[in-house]
Amino acid sequence: MGIGFHIKEYDCKARWSYTGFNRFRKRVAESLALTLETDSNGRWVEQDWEKWDKDWLIFLTHSDCSGYFTHFQCGRISKKLKSVLEKWEPKDLHYFYDLEHGLILVKAMEYCNDNKKSMRIS
């Protein structure tokens, strides 16, 4: 069981466990010199969210079990996420997995933006 990204008429292969997706988002945040902290239940700890870029805030704190990204959000987030991932150098197998699936997610988000489709998260 884990997180999936669903798009009508598109088979998105990006997959993580829930903890794996949180690990991925923490790594993205670290690449941006941001810190994401979770409590003992895996929920994000409140921070001064107002200083964060709105697109990153949406992506990094979005529920990992429900909701969706609009095609507008996908377009903005995909560009930013791609620029972060292109700078990553995998340090271990988890990093390699996160990089590989992160780039798959970027392509899916680009598809959503280009075809005006939402991405459901579950």
PDB file of N, CA and C in Angstrom:
ATOM      1  N   MET A   1       0.834  -1.170   0.000  1.00  0.00           N
ATOM      2  CA  MET A   1       0.000   0.000   0.000  1.00  0.00           C
ATOM      3  C   MET A   1       0.882   1.237   0.000  1.00  0.00           C
ATOM      4  N   GLY A   2       0.478   2.242  -0.741  1.00  0.00           N
ATOM      5  CA  GLY A   2       1.248   3.469  -0.798  1.00  0.00           C
ATOM      6  C   GLY A   2       0.512   4.522  -1.584  1.00  0.00           C
ATOM      7  N   ILE A   3       1.228   5.558  -1.902  1.00  0.00           N
ATOM      8  CA  ILE A   3       0.622   6.686  -2.603  1.00  0.00           C
ATOM      9  C   ILE A   3       0.630   6.442  -4.108  1.00  0.00           C
ATOM     10  N   GLY A   4      -0.455   6.855  -4.736  1.00  0.00           N
ATOM     11  CA  GLY A   4      -0.561   6.760  -6.184  1.00  0.00           C
ATOM     12  C   GLY A   4      -1.033   8.085  -6.757  1.00  0.00           C
ATOM     13  N   PHE A   5      -0.697   8.310  -8.009  1.00  0.00           N
ATOM     14  CA  PHE A   5      -1.076   9.519  -8.726  1.00  0.00           C
ATOM     15  C   PHE A   5      -1.912   9.084  -9.917  1.00  0.00           C
ATOM     16  N   HIS A   6      -3.136   9.576 -10.007  1.00  0.00           N
ATOM     17  CA  HIS A   6      -4.083   9.082 -10.999  1.00  0.00           C
ATOM     18  C   HIS A   6      -4.528  10.206 -11.929  1.00  0.00           C
ATOM     19  N   ILE A   7      -4.426   9.908 -13.217  1.00  0.00           N
ATOM     20  CA  ILE A   7      -4.783  10.869 -14.257  1.00  0.00           C
ATOM     21  C   ILE A   7      -5.626  10.120 -15.279  1.00  0.00           C
ATOM     22  N   LYS A   8      -6.751  10.709 -15.636  1.00  0.00           N
ATOM     23  CA  LYS A   8      -7.608  10.066 -16.620  1.00  0.00           C
ATOM     24  C   LYS A   8      -6.833   9.882 -17.932  1.00  0.00           C
ATOM     25  N   GLU A   9      -6.837   8.662 -18.450  1.00  0.00           N
ATOM     26  CA  GLU A   9      -6.210   8.295 -19.722  1.00  0.00           C
ATOM     27  C   GLU A   9      -4.687   8.410 -19.704  1.00  0.00           C
ATOM     28  N   TYR A  10      -4.061   8.281 -18.529  1.00  0.00           N
ATOM     29  CA  TYR A  10      -2.604   8.323 -18.429  1.00  0.00           C
ATOM     30  C   TYR A  10      -2.193   7.406 -17.287  1.00  0.00           C
ATOM     31  N   ASP A  11      -1.230   6.556 -17.534  1.00  0.00           N
ATOM     32  CA  ASP A  11      -0.771   5.607 -16.523  1.00  0.00           C
ATOM     33  C   ASP A  11       0.491   6.141 -15.865  1.00  0.00           C
ATOM     34  N   CYS A  12       0.331   6.809 -14.740  1.00  0.00           N
ATOM     35  CA  CYS A  12       1.465   7.364 -14.007  1.00  0.00           C
ATOM     36  C   CYS A  12       2.121   6.264 -13.185  1.00  0.00           C
ATOM     37  N   LYS A  13       3.385   6.018 -13.450  1.00  0.00           N
ATOM     38  CA  LYS A  13       4.116   4.943 -12.782  1.00  0.00           C
ATOM     39  C   LYS A  13       4.863   5.395 -11.520  1.00  0.00           C
ATOM     40  N   ALA A  14       4.760   6.669 -11.168  1.00  0.00           N
ATOM     41  CA  ALA A  14       5.421   7.149  -9.945  1.00  0.00           C
ATOM     42  C   ALA A  14       4.725   6.543  -8.739  1.00  0.00           C
ATOM     43  N   ARG A  15       5.484   5.897  -7.871  1.00  0.00           N
ATOM     44  CA  ARG A  15       4.913   5.230  -6.693  1.00  0.00           C
ATOM     45  C   ARG A  15       5.884   5.349  -5.520  1.00  0.00           C
ATOM     46  N   TRP A  16       5.323   5.575  -4.375  1.00  0.00           N
ATOM     47  CA  TRP A  16       6.085   5.553  -3.130  1.00  0.00           C
ATOM     48  C   TRP A  16       5.206   4.942  -2.050  1.00  0.00           C
ATOM     49  N   SER A  17       5.835   4.431  -1.005  1.00  0.00           N
ATOM     50  CA  SER A  17       5.093   4.162   0.222  1.00  0.00           C
ATOM     51  C   SER A  17       4.789   5.532   0.817  1.00  0.00           C
ATOM     52  N   TYR A  18       3.889   5.590   1.784  1.00  0.00           N
ATOM     53  CA  TYR A  18       3.587   6.882   2.399  1.00  0.00           C
ATOM     54  C   TYR A  18       4.833   7.468   3.063  1.00  0.00           C
ATOM     55  N   THR A  19       5.575   6.648   3.778  1.00  0.00           N
ATOM     56  CA  THR A  19       6.798   7.155   4.418  1.00  0.00           C
ATOM     57  C   THR A  19       7.848   7.508   3.373  1.00  0.00           C
ATOM     58  N   GLY A  20       7.886   6.745   2.291  1.00  0.00           N
ATOM     59  CA  GLY A  20       8.828   7.038   1.217  1.00  0.00           C
ATOM     60  C   GLY A  20       8.541   8.369   0.538  1.00  0.00           C
ATOM     61  N   PHE A  21       7.254   8.673   0.335  1.00  0.00           N
ATOM     62  CA  PHE A  21       6.896   9.942  -0.290  1.00  0.00           C
ATOM     63  C   PHE A  21       7.226  11.109   0.640  1.00  0.00           C
ATOM     64  N   ASN A  22       7.013  10.919   1.929  1.00  0.00           N
ATOM     65  CA  ASN A  22       7.406  11.967   2.884  1.00  0.00           C
ATOM     66  C   ASN A  22       8.923  12.159   2.873  1.00  0.00           C
ATOM     67  N   ARG A  23       9.665  11.057   2.789  1.00  0.00           N
ATOM     68  CA  ARG A  23      11.136  11.141   2.710  1.00  0.00           C
ATOM     69  C   ARG A  23      11.534  11.921   1.457  1.00  0.00           C
ATOM     70  N   PHE A  24      10.890  11.617   0.322  1.00  0.00           N
ATOM     71  CA  PHE A  24      11.155  12.315  -0.941  1.00  0.00           C
ATOM     72  C   PHE A  24      10.898  13.818  -0.786  1.00  0.00           C
ATOM     73  N   ARG A  25       9.761  14.169  -0.211  1.00  0.00           N
ATOM     74  CA  ARG A  25       9.440  15.588  -0.064  1.00  0.00           C
ATOM     75  C   ARG A  25      10.403  16.282   0.903  1.00  0.00           C
ATOM     76  N   LYS A  26      10.840  15.586   1.946  1.00  0.00           N
ATOM     77  CA  LYS A  26      11.835  16.172   2.847  1.00  0.00           C
ATOM     78  C   LYS A  26      13.138  16.443   2.098  1.00  0.00           C
ATOM     79  N   ARG A  27      13.524  15.527   1.213  1.00  0.00           N
ATOM     80  CA  ARG A  27      14.749  15.725   0.429  1.00  0.00           C
ATOM     81  C   ARG A  27      14.602  16.896  -0.535  1.00  0.00           C
ATOM     82  N   VAL A  28      13.436  17.020  -1.140  1.00  0.00           N
ATOM     83  CA  VAL A  28      13.190  18.174  -2.016  1.00  0.00           C
ATOM     84  C   VAL A  28      13.302  19.450  -1.189  1.00  0.00           C
ATOM     85  N   ALA A  29      12.669  19.471  -0.030  1.00  0.00           N
ATOM     86  CA  ALA A  29      12.721  20.652   0.840  1.00  0.00           C
ATOM     87  C   ALA A  29      14.161  20.985   1.226  1.00  0.00           C
ATOM     88  N   GLU A  30      14.940  19.970   1.588  1.00  0.00           N
ATOM     89  CA  GLU A  30      16.343  20.192   1.951  1.00  0.00           C
ATOM     90  C   GLU A  30      17.110  20.810   0.788  1.00  0.00           C
ATOM     91  N   SER A  31      16.799  20.395  -0.433  1.00  0.00           N
ATOM     92  CA  SER A  31      17.448  20.953  -1.619  1.00  0.00           C
ATOM     93  C   SER A  31      17.129  22.430  -1.794  1.00  0.00           C
ATOM     94  N   LEU A  32      16.024  22.865  -1.197  1.00  0.00           N
ATOM     95  CA  LEU A  32      15.594  24.262  -1.262  1.00  0.00           C
ATOM     96  C   LEU A  32      15.966  25.036   0.002  1.00  0.00           C
ATOM     97  N   ALA A  33      16.742  24.403   0.864  1.00  0.00           N
ATOM     98  CA  ALA A  33      17.133  24.984   2.153  1.00  0.00           C
ATOM     99  C   ALA A  33      15.916  25.224   3.044  1.00  0.00           C
ATOM    100  N   LEU A  34      14.910  24.352   2.918  1.00  0.00           N
ATOM    101  CA  LEU A  34      13.727  24.382   3.775  1.00  0.00           C
ATOM    102  C   LEU A  34      13.748  23.139   4.652  1.00  0.00           C
ATOM    103  N   THR A  35      13.069  23.209   5.766  1.00  0.00           N
ATOM    104  CA  THR A  35      13.009  22.065   6.674  1.00  0.00           C
ATOM    105  C   THR A  35      11.568  21.642   6.859  1.00  0.00           C
ATOM    106  N   LEU A  36      11.292  20.371   6.582  1.00  0.00           N
ATOM    107  CA  LEU A  36       9.981  19.791   6.856  1.00  0.00           C
ATOM    108  C   LEU A  36      10.133  18.863   8.040  1.00  0.00           C
ATOM    109  N   GLU A  37       9.345  19.087   9.058  1.00  0.00           N
ATOM    110  CA  GLU A  37       9.400  18.243  10.244  1.00  0.00           C
ATOM    111  C   GLU A  37       8.065  17.541  10.418  1.00  0.00           C
ATOM    112  N   THR A  38       8.120  16.303  10.877  1.00  0.00           N
ATOM    113  CA  THR A  38       6.902  15.548  11.137  1.00  0.00           C
ATOM    114  C   THR A  38       6.846  15.175  12.609  1.00  0.00           C
ATOM    115  N   ASP A  39       5.618  15.006  13.099  1.00  0.00           N
ATOM    116  CA  ASP A  39       5.455  14.549  14.468  1.00  0.00           C
ATOM    117  C   ASP A  39       5.538  13.022  14.492  1.00  0.00           C
ATOM    118  N   SER A  40       5.286  12.431  15.642  1.00  0.00           N
ATOM    119  CA  SER A  40       5.407  10.972  15.776  1.00  0.00           C
ATOM    120  C   SER A  40       4.371  10.215  14.951  1.00  0.00           C
ATOM    121  N   ASN A  41       3.319  10.895  14.492  1.00  0.00           N
ATOM    122  CA  ASN A  41       2.307  10.265  13.644  1.00  0.00           C
ATOM    123  C   ASN A  41       2.542  10.528  12.164  1.00  0.00           C
ATOM    124  N   GLY A  42       3.647  11.200  11.829  1.00  0.00           N
ATOM    125  CA  GLY A  42       3.969  11.477  10.438  1.00  0.00           C
ATOM    126  C   GLY A  42       3.283  12.703   9.871  1.00  0.00           C
ATOM    127  N   ARG A  43       2.626  13.499  10.731  1.00  0.00           N
ATOM    128  CA  ARG A  43       1.967  14.722  10.259  1.00  0.00           C
ATOM    129  C   ARG A  43       2.967  15.873  10.286  1.00  0.00           C
ATOM    130  N   TRP A  44       2.815  16.799   9.329  1.00  0.00           N
ATOM    131  CA  TRP A  44       3.723  17.940   9.271  1.00  0.00           C
ATOM    132  C   TRP A  44       3.548  18.824  10.503  1.00  0.00           C
ATOM    133  N   VAL A  45       4.653  19.243  11.066  1.00  0.00           N
ATOM    134  CA  VAL A  45       4.657  20.152  12.207  1.00  0.00           C
ATOM    135  C   VAL A  45       4.471  21.569  11.667  1.00  0.00           C
ATOM    136  N   GLU A  46       3.601  22.335  12.318  1.00  0.00           N
ATOM    137  CA  GLU A  46       3.338  23.719  11.888  1.00  0.00           C
ATOM    138  C   GLU A  46       4.626  24.533  11.843  1.00  0.00           C
ATOM    139  N   GLN A  47       4.726  25.331  10.806  1.00  0.00           N
ATOM    140  CA  GLN A  47       5.871  26.206  10.626  1.00  0.00           C
ATOM    141  C   GLN A  47       5.377  27.557  10.146  1.00  0.00           C
ATOM    142  N   ASP A  48       6.300  28.450   9.882  1.00  0.00           N
ATOM    143  CA  ASP A  48       5.955  29.756   9.331  1.00  0.00           C
ATOM    144  C   ASP A  48       5.785  29.592   7.821  1.00  0.00           C
ATOM    145  N   TRP A  49       4.625  29.052   7.414  1.00  0.00           N
ATOM    146  CA  TRP A  49       4.388  28.708   6.009  1.00  0.00           C
ATOM    147  C   TRP A  49       4.358  29.944   5.108  1.00  0.00           C
ATOM    148  N   GLU A  50       4.084  31.116   5.659  1.00  0.00           N
ATOM    149  CA  GLU A  50       3.941  32.318   4.836  1.00  0.00           C
ATOM    150  C   GLU A  50       5.220  32.695   4.103  1.00  0.00           C
ATOM    151  N   LYS A  51       6.364  32.273   4.606  1.00  0.00           N
ATOM    152  CA  LYS A  51       7.626  32.622   3.948  1.00  0.00           C
ATOM    153  C   LYS A  51       7.957  31.658   2.798  1.00  0.00           C
ATOM    154  N   TRP A  52       7.182  30.603   2.656  1.00  0.00           N
ATOM    155  CA  TRP A  52       7.448  29.597   1.623  1.00  0.00           C
ATOM    156  C   TRP A  52       6.814  29.991   0.301  1.00  0.00           C
ATOM    157  N   ASP A  53       7.443  29.625  -0.783  1.00  0.00           N
ATOM    158  CA  ASP A  53       6.860  29.774  -2.110  1.00  0.00           C
ATOM    159  C   ASP A  53       5.556  28.976  -2.158  1.00  0.00           C
ATOM    160  N   LYS A  54       4.498  29.571  -2.695  1.00  0.00           N
ATOM    161  CA  LYS A  54       3.170  28.954  -2.666  1.00  0.00           C
ATOM    162  C   LYS A  54       3.145  27.595  -3.375  1.00  0.00           C
ATOM    163  N   ASP A  55       3.800  27.484  -4.520  1.00  0.00           N
ATOM    164  CA  ASP A  55       3.804  26.206  -5.249  1.00  0.00           C
ATOM    165  C   ASP A  55       4.500  25.119  -4.444  1.00  0.00           C
ATOM    166  N   TRP A  56       5.627  25.468  -3.819  1.00  0.00           N
ATOM    167  CA  TRP A  56       6.319  24.473  -2.994  1.00  0.00           C
ATOM    168  C   TRP A  56       5.482  24.104  -1.778  1.00  0.00           C
ATOM    169  N   LEU A  57       4.819  25.072  -1.198  1.00  0.00           N
ATOM    170  CA  LEU A  57       3.960  24.797  -0.048  1.00  0.00           C
ATOM    171  C   LEU A  57       2.876  23.799  -0.425  1.00  0.00           C
ATOM    172  N   ILE A  58       2.245  23.997  -1.577  1.00  0.00           N
ATOM    173  CA  ILE A  58       1.200  23.077  -2.040  1.00  0.00           C
ATOM    174  C   ILE A  58       1.757  21.676  -2.213  1.00  0.00           C
ATOM    175  N   PHE A  59       2.897  21.554  -2.878  1.00  0.00           N
ATOM    176  CA  PHE A  59       3.463  20.227  -3.146  1.00  0.00           C
ATOM    177  C   PHE A  59       3.999  19.558  -1.879  1.00  0.00           C
ATOM    178  N   LEU A  60       4.740  20.296  -1.109  1.00  0.00           N
ATOM    179  CA  LEU A  60       5.438  19.699   0.032  1.00  0.00           C
ATOM    180  C   LEU A  60       4.524  19.352   1.200  1.00  0.00           C
ATOM    181  N   THR A  61       3.384  20.018   1.317  1.00  0.00           N
ATOM    182  CA  THR A  61       2.513  19.756   2.468  1.00  0.00           C
ATOM    183  C   THR A  61       1.174  19.139   2.093  1.00  0.00           C
ATOM    184  N   HIS A  62       0.975  18.846   0.821  1.00  0.00           N
ATOM    185  CA  HIS A  62      -0.291  18.280   0.357  1.00  0.00           C
ATOM    186  C   HIS A  62      -0.531  16.924   1.022  1.00  0.00           C
ATOM    187  N   SER A  63      -1.779  16.621   1.271  1.00  0.00           N
ATOM    188  CA  SER A  63      -2.127  15.303   1.812  1.00  0.00           C
ATOM    189  C   SER A  63      -1.583  14.224   0.892  1.00  0.00           C
ATOM    190  N   ASP A  64      -1.084  13.160   1.492  1.00  0.00           N
ATOM    191  CA  ASP A  64      -0.569  12.065   0.663  1.00  0.00           C
ATOM    192  C   ASP A  64      -1.592  10.941   0.507  1.00  0.00           C
ATOM    193  N   CYS A  65      -2.832  11.176   0.922  1.00  0.00           N
ATOM    194  CA  CYS A  65      -3.830  10.116   0.793  1.00  0.00           C
ATOM    195  C   CYS A  65      -5.140  10.578   0.173  1.00  0.00           C
ATOM    196  N   SER A  66      -5.251  11.853  -0.164  1.00  0.00           N
ATOM    197  CA  SER A  66      -6.474  12.326  -0.810  1.00  0.00           C
ATOM    198  C   SER A  66      -6.223  13.679  -1.450  1.00  0.00           C
ATOM    199  N   GLY A  67      -7.127  14.065  -2.338  1.00  0.00           N
ATOM    200  CA  GLY A  67      -7.040  15.367  -2.974  1.00  0.00           C
ATOM    201  C   GLY A  67      -6.495  15.283  -4.378  1.00  0.00           C
ATOM    202  N   TYR A  68      -6.147  16.437  -4.909  1.00  0.00           N
ATOM    203  CA  TYR A  68      -5.649  16.479  -6.274  1.00  0.00           C
ATOM    204  C   TYR A  68      -4.824  17.734  -6.493  1.00  0.00           C
ATOM    205  N   PHE A  69      -4.061  17.733  -7.584  1.00  0.00           N
ATOM    206  CA  PHE A  69      -3.391  18.914  -8.100  1.00  0.00           C
ATOM    207  C   PHE A  69      -4.118  19.306  -9.373  1.00  0.00           C
ATOM    208  N   THR A  70      -4.407  20.595  -9.533  1.00  0.00           N
ATOM    209  CA  THR A  70      -5.014  21.068 -10.776  1.00  0.00           C
ATOM    210  C   THR A  70      -3.953  21.063 -11.874  1.00  0.00           C
ATOM    211  N   HIS A  71      -4.381  21.189 -13.116  1.00  0.00           N
ATOM    212  CA  HIS A  71      -3.392  21.225 -14.200  1.00  0.00           C
ATOM    213  C   HIS A  71      -2.524  22.482 -14.095  1.00  0.00           C
ATOM    214  N   PHE A  72      -3.075  23.572 -13.568  1.00  0.00           N
ATOM    215  CA  PHE A  72      -2.266  24.776 -13.361  1.00  0.00           C
ATOM    216  C   PHE A  72      -1.160  24.509 -12.330  1.00  0.00           C
ATOM    217  N   GLN A  73      -1.538  23.872 -11.216  1.00  0.00           N
ATOM    218  CA  GLN A  73      -0.547  23.540 -10.190  1.00  0.00           C
ATOM    219  C   GLN A  73       0.494  22.580 -10.739  1.00  0.00           C
ATOM    220  N   CYS A  74       0.049  21.591 -11.492  1.00  0.00           N
ATOM    221  CA  CYS A  74       0.983  20.630 -12.086  1.00  0.00           C
ATOM    222  C   CYS A  74       2.000  21.335 -12.971  1.00  0.00           C
ATOM    223  N   GLY A  75       1.542  22.294 -13.753  1.00  0.00           N
ATOM    224  CA  GLY A  75       2.449  23.024 -14.636  1.00  0.00           C
ATOM    225  C   GLY A  75       3.513  23.788 -13.877  1.00  0.00           C
ATOM    226  N   ARG A  76       3.108  24.472 -12.835  1.00  0.00           N
ATOM    227  CA  ARG A  76       4.070  25.259 -12.053  1.00  0.00           C
ATOM    228  C   ARG A  76       4.992  24.360 -11.234  1.00  0.00           C
ATOM    229  N   ILE A  77       4.422  23.363 -10.581  1.00  0.00           N
ATOM    230  CA  ILE A  77       5.219  22.486  -9.722  1.00  0.00           C
ATOM    231  C   ILE A  77       6.193  21.655 -10.550  1.00  0.00           C
ATOM    232  N   SER A  78       5.753  21.153 -11.700  1.00  0.00           N
ATOM    233  CA  SER A  78       6.628  20.284 -12.500  1.00  0.00           C
ATOM    234  C   SER A  78       7.912  21.000 -12.906  1.00  0.00           C
ATOM    235  N   LYS A  79       7.820  22.261 -13.285  1.00  0.00           N
ATOM    236  CA  LYS A  79       9.017  23.017 -13.682  1.00  0.00           C
ATOM    237  C   LYS A  79       9.981  23.165 -12.513  1.00  0.00           C
ATOM    238  N   LYS A  80       9.427  23.513 -11.361  1.00  0.00           N
ATOM    239  CA  LYS A  80      10.268  23.713 -10.185  1.00  0.00           C
ATOM    240  C   LYS A  80      10.870  22.402  -9.692  1.00  0.00           C
ATOM    241  N   LEU A  81      10.053  21.350  -9.686  1.00  0.00           N
ATOM    242  CA  LEU A  81      10.538  20.053  -9.222  1.00  0.00           C
ATOM    243  C   LEU A  81      11.624  19.523 -10.155  1.00  0.00           C
ATOM    244  N   LYS A  82      11.429  19.664 -11.449  1.00  0.00           N
ATOM    245  CA  LYS A  82      12.426  19.207 -12.414  1.00  0.00           C
ATOM    246  C   LYS A  82      13.761  19.913 -12.192  1.00  0.00           C
ATOM    247  N   SER A  83      13.726  21.220 -11.945  1.00  0.00           N
ATOM    248  CA  SER A  83      14.979  21.957 -11.746  1.00  0.00           C
ATOM    249  C   SER A  83      15.710  21.490 -10.488  1.00  0.00           C
ATOM    250  N   VAL A  84      14.970  21.098  -9.464  1.00  0.00           N
ATOM    251  CA  VAL A  84      15.598  20.566  -8.247  1.00  0.00           C
ATOM    252  C   VAL A  84      16.188  19.179  -8.520  1.00  0.00           C
ATOM    253  N   LEU A  85      15.404  18.317  -9.145  1.00  0.00           N
ATOM    254  CA  LEU A  85      15.841  16.937  -9.365  1.00  0.00           C
ATOM    255  C   LEU A  85      17.040  16.845 -10.307  1.00  0.00           C
ATOM    256  N   GLU A  86      17.140  17.762 -11.251  1.00  0.00           N
ATOM    257  CA  GLU A  86      18.272  17.746 -12.185  1.00  0.00           C
ATOM    258  C   GLU A  86      19.600  17.993 -11.483  1.00  0.00           C
ATOM    259  N   LYS A  87      19.562  18.546 -10.290  1.00  0.00           N
ATOM    260  CA  LYS A  87      20.786  18.830  -9.525  1.00  0.00           C
ATOM    261  C   LYS A  87      21.146  17.715  -8.552  1.00  0.00           C
ATOM    262  N   TRP A  88      20.251  16.744  -8.384  1.00  0.00           N
ATOM    263  CA  TRP A  88      20.502  15.670  -7.427  1.00  0.00           C
ATOM    264  C   TRP A  88      21.558  14.714  -7.937  1.00  0.00           C
ATOM    265  N   GLU A  89      22.362  14.260  -7.003  1.00  0.00           N
ATOM    266  CA  GLU A  89      23.299  13.177  -7.264  1.00  0.00           C
ATOM    267  C   GLU A  89      22.944  12.066  -6.285  1.00  0.00           C
ATOM    268  N   PRO A  90      22.404  10.961  -6.796  1.00  0.00           N
ATOM    269  CA  PRO A  90      21.975   9.888  -5.889  1.00  0.00           C
ATOM    270  C   PRO A  90      23.124   9.401  -5.002  1.00  0.00           C
ATOM    271  N   LYS A  91      22.862   9.405  -3.690  1.00  0.00           N
ATOM    272  CA  LYS A  91      23.874   9.000  -2.715  1.00  0.00           C
ATOM    273  C   LYS A  91      23.686   7.553  -2.275  1.00  0.00           C
ATOM    274  N   ASP A  92      22.474   7.040  -2.447  1.00  0.00           N
ATOM    275  CA  ASP A  92      22.183   5.666  -2.055  1.00  0.00           C
ATOM    276  C   ASP A  92      20.983   5.181  -2.858  1.00  0.00           C
ATOM    277  N   LEU A  93      20.564   3.953  -2.624  1.00  0.00           N
ATOM    278  CA  LEU A  93      19.463   3.385  -3.397  1.00  0.00           C
ATOM    279  C   LEU A  93      18.156   4.145  -3.197  1.00  0.00           C
ATOM    280  N   HIS A  94      17.910   4.632  -1.981  1.00  0.00           N
ATOM    281  CA  HIS A  94      16.686   5.403  -1.736  1.00  0.00           C
ATOM    282  C   HIS A  94      16.701   6.696  -2.545  1.00  0.00           C
ATOM    283  N   TYR A  95      17.852   7.347  -2.599  1.00  0.00           N
ATOM    284  CA  TYR A  95      17.967   8.572  -3.391  1.00  0.00           C
ATOM    285  C   TYR A  95      17.728   8.267  -4.863  1.00  0.00           C
ATOM    286  N   PHE A  96      18.319   7.178  -5.350  1.00  0.00           N
ATOM    287  CA  PHE A  96      18.131   6.802  -6.752  1.00  0.00           C
ATOM    288  C   PHE A  96      16.657   6.570  -7.045  1.00  0.00           C
ATOM    289  N   TYR A  97      15.983   5.844  -6.149  1.00  0.00           N
ATOM    290  CA  TYR A  97      14.553   5.589  -6.329  1.00  0.00           C
ATOM    291  C   TYR A  97      13.773   6.896  -6.346  1.00  0.00           C
ATOM    292  N   ASP A  98      14.069   7.791  -5.394  1.00  0.00           N
ATOM    293  CA  ASP A  98      13.370   9.070  -5.329  1.00  0.00           C
ATOM    294  C   ASP A  98      13.608   9.898  -6.592  1.00  0.00           C
ATOM    295  N   LEU A  99      14.829   9.902  -7.092  1.00  0.00           N
ATOM    296  CA  LEU A  99      15.137  10.643  -8.305  1.00  0.00           C
ATOM    297  C   LEU A  99      14.380  10.061  -9.500  1.00  0.00           C
ATOM    298  N   GLU A 100      14.442   8.748  -9.650  1.00  0.00           N
ATOM    299  CA  GLU A 100      13.764   8.087 -10.772  1.00  0.00           C
ATOM    300  C   GLU A 100      12.251   8.352 -10.750  1.00  0.00           C
ATOM    301  N   HIS A 101      11.620   8.141  -9.613  1.00  0.00           N
ATOM    302  CA  HIS A 101      10.175   8.314  -9.520  1.00  0.00           C
ATOM    303  C   HIS A 101       9.785   9.798  -9.498  1.00  0.00           C
ATOM    304  N   GLY A 102      10.672  10.636  -8.982  1.00  0.00           N
ATOM    305  CA  GLY A 102      10.421  12.075  -9.044  1.00  0.00           C
ATOM    306  C   GLY A 102      10.364  12.566 -10.485  1.00  0.00           C
ATOM    307  N   LEU A 103      11.265  12.077 -11.315  1.00  0.00           N
ATOM    308  CA  LEU A 103      11.258  12.466 -12.733  1.00  0.00           C
ATOM    309  C   LEU A 103      10.040  11.896 -13.457  1.00  0.00           C
ATOM    310  N   ILE A 104       9.593  10.708 -13.061  1.00  0.00           N
ATOM    311  CA  ILE A 104       8.360  10.147 -13.625  1.00  0.00           C
ATOM    312  C   ILE A 104       7.177  11.027 -13.234  1.00  0.00           C
ATOM    313  N   LEU A 105       7.161  11.478 -11.992  1.00  0.00           N
ATOM    314  CA  LEU A 105       6.103  12.364 -11.517  1.00  0.00           C
ATOM    315  C   LEU A 105       6.119  13.690 -12.289  1.00  0.00           C
ATOM    316  N   VAL A 106       7.305  14.225 -12.552  1.00  0.00           N
ATOM    317  CA  VAL A 106       7.422  15.459 -13.328  1.00  0.00           C
ATOM    318  C   VAL A 106       6.783  15.280 -14.702  1.00  0.00           C
ATOM    319  N   LYS A 107       7.094  14.175 -15.373  1.00  0.00           N
ATOM    320  CA  LYS A 107       6.515  13.927 -16.708  1.00  0.00           C
ATOM    321  C   LYS A 107       4.994  13.840 -16.641  1.00  0.00           C
ATOM    322  N   ALA A 108       4.474  13.191 -15.615  1.00  0.00           N
ATOM    323  CA  ALA A 108       3.025  13.074 -15.455  1.00  0.00           C
ATOM    324  C   ALA A 108       2.404  14.448 -15.220  1.00  0.00           C
ATOM    325  N   MET A 109       3.073  15.270 -14.421  1.00  0.00           N
ATOM    326  CA  MET A 109       2.561  16.622 -14.161  1.00  0.00           C
ATOM    327  C   MET A 109       2.604  17.470 -15.433  1.00  0.00           C
ATOM    328  N   GLU A 110       3.645  17.298 -16.233  1.00  0.00           N
ATOM    329  CA  GLU A 110       3.721  18.009 -17.513  1.00  0.00           C
ATOM    330  C   GLU A 110       2.571  17.584 -18.421  1.00  0.00           C
ATOM    331  N   TYR A 111       2.270  16.288 -18.419  1.00  0.00           N
ATOM    332  CA  TYR A 111       1.143  15.778 -19.210  1.00  0.00           C
ATOM    333  C   TYR A 111      -0.160  16.446 -18.742  1.00  0.00           C
ATOM    334  N   CYS A 112      -0.354  16.512 -17.433  1.00  0.00           N
ATOM    335  CA  CYS A 112      -1.562  17.140 -16.892  1.00  0.00           C
ATOM    336  C   CYS A 112      -1.677  18.590 -17.343  1.00  0.00           C
ATOM    337  N   ASN A 113      -0.579  19.317 -17.257  1.00  0.00           N
ATOM    338  CA  ASN A 113      -0.585  20.713 -17.658  1.00  0.00           C
ATOM    339  C   ASN A 113      -0.896  20.851 -19.154  1.00  0.00           C
ATOM    340  N   ASP A 114      -0.215  20.061 -19.975  1.00  0.00           N
ATOM    341  CA  ASP A 114      -0.400  20.147 -21.426  1.00  0.00           C
ATOM    342  C   ASP A 114      -1.802  19.756 -21.864  1.00  0.00           C
ATOM    343  N   ASN A 115      -2.428  18.820 -21.129  1.00  0.00           N
ATOM    344  CA  ASN A 115      -3.736  18.294 -21.529  1.00  0.00           C
ATOM    345  C   ASN A 115      -4.874  18.770 -20.638  1.00  0.00           C
ATOM    346  N   LYS A 116      -4.572  19.732 -19.774  1.00  0.00           N
ATOM    347  CA  LYS A 116      -5.585  20.327 -18.878  1.00  0.00           C
ATOM    348  C   LYS A 116      -6.335  19.266 -18.064  1.00  0.00           C
ATOM    349  N   LYS A 117      -5.551  18.390 -17.428  1.00  0.00           N
ATOM    350  CA  LYS A 117      -6.119  17.326 -16.596  1.00  0.00           C
ATOM    351  C   LYS A 117      -5.626  17.472 -15.166  1.00  0.00           C
ATOM    352  N   SER A 118      -6.461  17.136 -14.237  1.00  0.00           N
ATOM    353  CA  SER A 118      -6.078  17.130 -12.829  1.00  0.00           C
ATOM    354  C   SER A 118      -5.379  15.822 -12.478  1.00  0.00           C
ATOM    355  N   MET A 119      -4.597  15.853 -11.440  1.00  0.00           N
ATOM    356  CA  MET A 119      -3.918  14.657 -10.928  1.00  0.00           C
ATOM    357  C   MET A 119      -4.502  14.352  -9.557  1.00  0.00           C
ATOM    358  N   ARG A 120      -5.154  13.195  -9.448  1.00  0.00           N
ATOM    359  CA  ARG A 120      -5.718  12.779  -8.162  1.00  0.00           C
ATOM    360  C   ARG A 120      -4.654  12.018  -7.378  1.00  0.00           C
ATOM    361  N   ILE A 121      -4.632  12.254  -6.086  1.00  0.00           N
ATOM    362  CA  ILE A 121      -3.662  11.619  -5.196  1.00  0.00           C
ATOM    363  C   ILE A 121      -4.408  10.699  -4.254  1.00  0.00           C
ATOM    364  N   SER A 122      -3.940   9.459  -4.175  1.00  0.00           N
ATOM    365  CA  SER A 122      -4.565   8.524  -3.224  1.00  0.00           C
ATOM    366  C   SER A 122      -3.598   7.419  -2.875  1.00  0.00           C
TER     367      SER A 122
END
